[in-house]
Amino acid sequence: MEFFGWVATLLFGACYWPQLYRSYKRKSVGDISFWSWFIQMLAYIFGLVYGFRLNELPLEIGYLHGLFCTVVLLIMYFEYRE
């Protein structure tokens, strides 16, 4: 069962990189909703607590990676917004 957790972690993690790359390359975040990413950041924080409580490494790494990518994108949002 843990195999599925690791595959999900890798696939969810890969979802963020195209948006991060695109935002960085274009120096533009005009098509990004701040509130959507802010809510997602909160969800990752709660998910990370949940993953640590369950002591499930795939969840911990997945939520930590998602939180990292979300924070980076929010930083870019404030840096590049018009």
N, C-alpha and C. Protein backbone atom coordinates (compact mmCIF):
# COMPACT_ATOMS: atom_id res chain seq x y z
N MET A 1 0.82 -1.19 0.00
CA MET A 1 0.00 0.00 0.00
C MET A 1 0.86 1.26 0.00
N GLU A 2 2.00 1.20 0.67
CA GLU A 2 2.87 2.37 0.74
C GLU A 2 3.35 2.80 -0.65
N PHE A 3 3.47 1.84 -1.56
CA PHE A 3 3.86 2.14 -2.94
C PHE A 3 2.94 3.19 -3.54
N PHE A 4 1.64 3.04 -3.34
CA PHE A 4 0.68 3.98 -3.88
C PHE A 4 0.84 5.37 -3.27
N GLY A 5 1.18 5.40 -2.00
CA GLY A 5 1.44 6.67 -1.33
C GLY A 5 2.63 7.39 -1.94
N TRP A 6 3.70 6.65 -2.23
CA TRP A 6 4.89 7.27 -2.83
C TRP A 6 4.61 7.73 -4.26
N VAL A 7 3.88 6.93 -5.02
CA VAL A 7 3.54 7.33 -6.40
C VAL A 7 2.68 8.60 -6.37
N ALA A 8 1.70 8.64 -5.49
CA ALA A 8 0.86 9.83 -5.37
C ALA A 8 1.69 11.05 -4.97
N THR A 9 2.62 10.87 -4.05
CA THR A 9 3.48 11.96 -3.61
C THR A 9 4.30 12.50 -4.78
N LEU A 10 4.87 11.61 -5.58
CA LEU A 10 5.66 12.04 -6.74
C LEU A 10 4.80 12.75 -7.78
N LEU A 11 3.63 12.22 -8.05
CA LEU A 11 2.77 12.83 -9.07
C LEU A 11 2.22 14.18 -8.62
N PHE A 12 1.77 14.27 -7.37
CA PHE A 12 1.30 15.56 -6.87
C PHE A 12 2.43 16.58 -6.86
N GLY A 13 3.61 16.14 -6.49
CA GLY A 13 4.76 17.05 -6.47
C GLY A 13 5.10 17.56 -7.86
N ALA A 14 5.00 16.70 -8.85
CA ALA A 14 5.31 17.09 -10.22
C ALA A 14 4.32 18.11 -10.77
N CYS A 15 3.13 18.17 -10.22
CA CYS A 15 2.11 19.11 -10.70
C CYS A 15 2.51 20.57 -10.49
N TYR A 16 3.32 20.85 -9.50
CA TYR A 16 3.65 22.24 -9.18
C TYR A 16 4.74 22.83 -10.05
N TRP A 17 5.67 22.01 -10.49
CA TRP A 17 6.85 22.53 -11.16
C TRP A 17 6.56 23.27 -12.45
N PRO A 18 5.61 22.84 -13.30
CA PRO A 18 5.34 23.63 -14.51
C PRO A 18 4.85 25.06 -14.19
N GLN A 19 3.98 25.20 -13.19
CA GLN A 19 3.49 26.53 -12.82
C GLN A 19 4.61 27.38 -12.23
N LEU A 20 5.43 26.79 -11.38
CA LEU A 20 6.55 27.52 -10.81
C LEU A 20 7.51 27.98 -11.90
N TYR A 21 7.82 27.09 -12.82
CA TYR A 21 8.74 27.41 -13.90
C TYR A 21 8.15 28.52 -14.78
N ARG A 22 6.89 28.38 -15.14
CA ARG A 22 6.23 29.36 -16.01
C ARG A 22 6.20 30.74 -15.34
N SER A 23 5.85 30.78 -14.08
CA SER A 23 5.78 32.06 -13.37
C SER A 23 7.16 32.69 -13.26
N TYR A 24 8.16 31.88 -12.99
CA TYR A 24 9.52 32.40 -12.87
C TYR A 24 10.04 32.89 -14.23
N LYS A 25 9.82 32.11 -15.26
CA LYS A 25 10.33 32.43 -16.59
C LYS A 25 9.69 33.71 -17.13
N ARG A 26 8.38 33.84 -16.95
CA ARG A 26 7.66 35.01 -17.46
C ARG A 26 7.69 36.20 -16.52
N LYS A 27 8.11 35.96 -15.28
CA LYS A 27 8.08 37.01 -14.25
C LYS A 27 6.67 37.62 -14.16
N SER A 28 5.69 36.74 -14.25
CA SER A 28 4.29 37.17 -14.23
C SER A 28 3.45 36.14 -13.51
N VAL A 29 2.53 36.63 -12.68
CA VAL A 29 1.61 35.76 -11.96
C VAL A 29 0.17 36.26 -12.13
N GLY A 30 -0.08 36.95 -13.22
CA GLY A 30 -1.39 37.55 -13.45
C GLY A 30 -2.52 36.55 -13.52
N ASP A 31 -2.22 35.32 -13.88
CA ASP A 31 -3.27 34.31 -14.01
C ASP A 31 -3.41 33.44 -12.76
N ILE A 32 -2.79 33.84 -11.67
CA ILE A 32 -2.82 33.06 -10.43
C ILE A 32 -3.74 33.73 -9.42
N SER A 33 -4.59 32.94 -8.79
CA SER A 33 -5.47 33.44 -7.74
C SER A 33 -4.75 33.36 -6.39
N PHE A 34 -4.52 34.51 -5.79
CA PHE A 34 -3.86 34.55 -4.49
C PHE A 34 -4.61 33.72 -3.47
N TRP A 35 -5.93 33.92 -3.39
CA TRP A 35 -6.72 33.24 -2.35
C TRP A 35 -6.74 31.73 -2.52
N SER A 36 -6.73 31.28 -3.74
CA SER A 36 -6.67 29.83 -3.97
C SER A 36 -5.37 29.25 -3.42
N TRP A 37 -4.26 29.91 -3.68
CA TRP A 37 -2.97 29.42 -3.19
C TRP A 37 -2.81 29.62 -1.70
N PHE A 38 -3.40 30.67 -1.15
CA PHE A 38 -3.34 30.90 0.29
C PHE A 38 -4.10 29.80 1.03
N ILE A 39 -5.29 29.46 0.54
CA ILE A 39 -6.08 28.38 1.15
C ILE A 39 -5.34 27.05 1.00
N GLN A 40 -4.70 26.86 -0.14
CA GLN A 40 -3.93 25.64 -0.34
C GLN A 40 -2.78 25.56 0.66
N MET A 41 -2.13 26.69 0.93
CA MET A 41 -1.05 26.72 1.92
C MET A 41 -1.56 26.29 3.29
N LEU A 42 -2.72 26.82 3.69
CA LEU A 42 -3.30 26.42 4.97
C LEU A 42 -3.62 24.93 4.99
N ALA A 43 -4.14 24.41 3.89
CA ALA A 43 -4.46 22.98 3.81
C ALA A 43 -3.19 22.14 3.97
N TYR A 44 -2.10 22.58 3.37
CA TYR A 44 -0.84 21.83 3.50
C TYR A 44 -0.32 21.87 4.94
N ILE A 45 -0.48 22.97 5.61
CA ILE A 45 -0.04 23.05 7.00
C ILE A 45 -0.82 22.05 7.85
N PHE A 46 -2.14 22.03 7.70
CA PHE A 46 -2.96 21.08 8.45
C PHE A 46 -2.65 19.64 8.03
N GLY A 47 -2.44 19.41 6.73
CA GLY A 47 -2.10 18.08 6.24
C GLY A 47 -0.76 17.61 6.78
N LEU A 48 0.18 18.53 6.90
CA LEU A 48 1.49 18.18 7.44
C LEU A 48 1.38 17.75 8.89
N VAL A 49 0.59 18.45 9.67
CA VAL A 49 0.36 18.05 11.06
C VAL A 49 -0.27 16.66 11.09
N TYR A 50 -1.24 16.43 10.23
CA TYR A 50 -1.91 15.13 10.14
C TYR A 50 -0.92 14.03 9.78
N GLY A 51 -0.07 14.29 8.78
CA GLY A 51 0.93 13.30 8.36
C GLY A 51 1.90 12.95 9.47
N PHE A 52 2.33 13.97 10.22
CA PHE A 52 3.25 13.71 11.34
C PHE A 52 2.55 12.93 12.46
N ARG A 53 1.28 13.22 12.69
CA ARG A 53 0.55 12.49 13.73
C ARG A 53 0.39 11.01 13.37
N LEU A 54 0.22 10.74 12.06
CA LEU A 54 0.10 9.35 11.61
C LEU A 54 1.45 8.68 11.43
N ASN A 55 2.52 9.48 11.41
CA ASN A 55 3.86 8.98 11.18
C ASN A 55 3.95 8.27 9.82
N GLU A 56 3.38 8.92 8.80
CA GLU A 56 3.39 8.38 7.43
C GLU A 56 4.32 9.22 6.58
N LEU A 57 5.49 8.69 6.27
CA LEU A 57 6.50 9.43 5.54
C LEU A 57 6.03 9.93 4.18
N PRO A 58 5.30 9.13 3.37
CA PRO A 58 4.85 9.68 2.08
C PRO A 58 3.96 10.92 2.26
N LEU A 59 3.09 10.90 3.25
CA LEU A 59 2.24 12.07 3.51
C LEU A 59 3.08 13.26 3.97
N GLU A 60 4.01 13.00 4.86
CA GLU A 60 4.85 14.08 5.39
C GLU A 60 5.63 14.75 4.27
N ILE A 61 6.27 13.96 3.43
CA ILE A 61 7.07 14.51 2.33
C ILE A 61 6.17 15.20 1.31
N GLY A 62 5.05 14.59 0.98
CA GLY A 62 4.13 15.19 0.01
C GLY A 62 3.60 16.53 0.48
N TYR A 63 3.14 16.59 1.72
CA TYR A 63 2.62 17.85 2.26
C TYR A 63 3.73 18.88 2.42
N LEU A 64 4.90 18.46 2.81
CA LEU A 64 6.02 19.38 2.96
C LEU A 64 6.43 19.96 1.60
N HIS A 65 6.49 19.11 0.60
CA HIS A 65 6.83 19.57 -0.75
C HIS A 65 5.75 20.52 -1.27
N GLY A 66 4.50 20.16 -1.09
CA GLY A 66 3.41 21.03 -1.52
C GLY A 66 3.44 22.38 -0.82
N LEU A 67 3.72 22.36 0.47
CA LEU A 67 3.82 23.61 1.24
C LEU A 67 4.97 24.45 0.72
N PHE A 68 6.11 23.82 0.47
CA PHE A 68 7.27 24.55 -0.06
C PHE A 68 6.93 25.21 -1.40
N CYS A 69 6.36 24.45 -2.33
CA CYS A 69 6.02 24.99 -3.64
C CYS A 69 4.99 26.10 -3.54
N THR A 70 4.02 25.95 -2.66
CA THR A 70 2.99 26.97 -2.48
C THR A 70 3.59 28.24 -1.92
N VAL A 71 4.46 28.13 -0.94
CA VAL A 71 5.11 29.31 -0.37
C VAL A 71 5.97 30.01 -1.43
N VAL A 72 6.72 29.24 -2.21
CA VAL A 72 7.54 29.84 -3.28
C VAL A 72 6.65 30.58 -4.26
N LEU A 73 5.53 29.98 -4.65
CA LEU A 73 4.63 30.64 -5.60
C LEU A 73 4.02 31.89 -5.00
N LEU A 74 3.67 31.86 -3.72
CA LEU A 74 3.13 33.06 -3.08
C LEU A 74 4.19 34.16 -2.99
N ILE A 75 5.43 33.79 -2.76
CA ILE A 75 6.51 34.78 -2.77
C ILE A 75 6.62 35.40 -4.17
N MET A 76 6.58 34.56 -5.19
CA MET A 76 6.62 35.07 -6.56
C MET A 76 5.41 35.95 -6.84
N TYR A 77 4.27 35.59 -6.28
CA TYR A 77 3.06 36.39 -6.48
C TYR A 77 3.30 37.83 -6.01
N PHE A 78 3.86 37.98 -4.84
CA PHE A 78 4.10 39.34 -4.32
C PHE A 78 5.26 40.03 -5.06
N GLU A 79 6.19 39.24 -5.55
CA GLU A 79 7.33 39.81 -6.28
C GLU A 79 6.95 40.28 -7.68
N TYR A 80 6.12 39.49 -8.38
CA TYR A 80 5.84 39.72 -9.81
C TYR A 80 4.47 40.31 -10.11
N ARG A 81 3.62 40.46 -9.13
CA ARG A 81 2.27 40.94 -9.45
C ARG A 81 2.34 42.34 -10.04
N GLU A 82 1.36 42.60 -10.88
CA GLU A 82 1.34 43.89 -11.59
C GLU A 82 0.64 44.96 -10.82
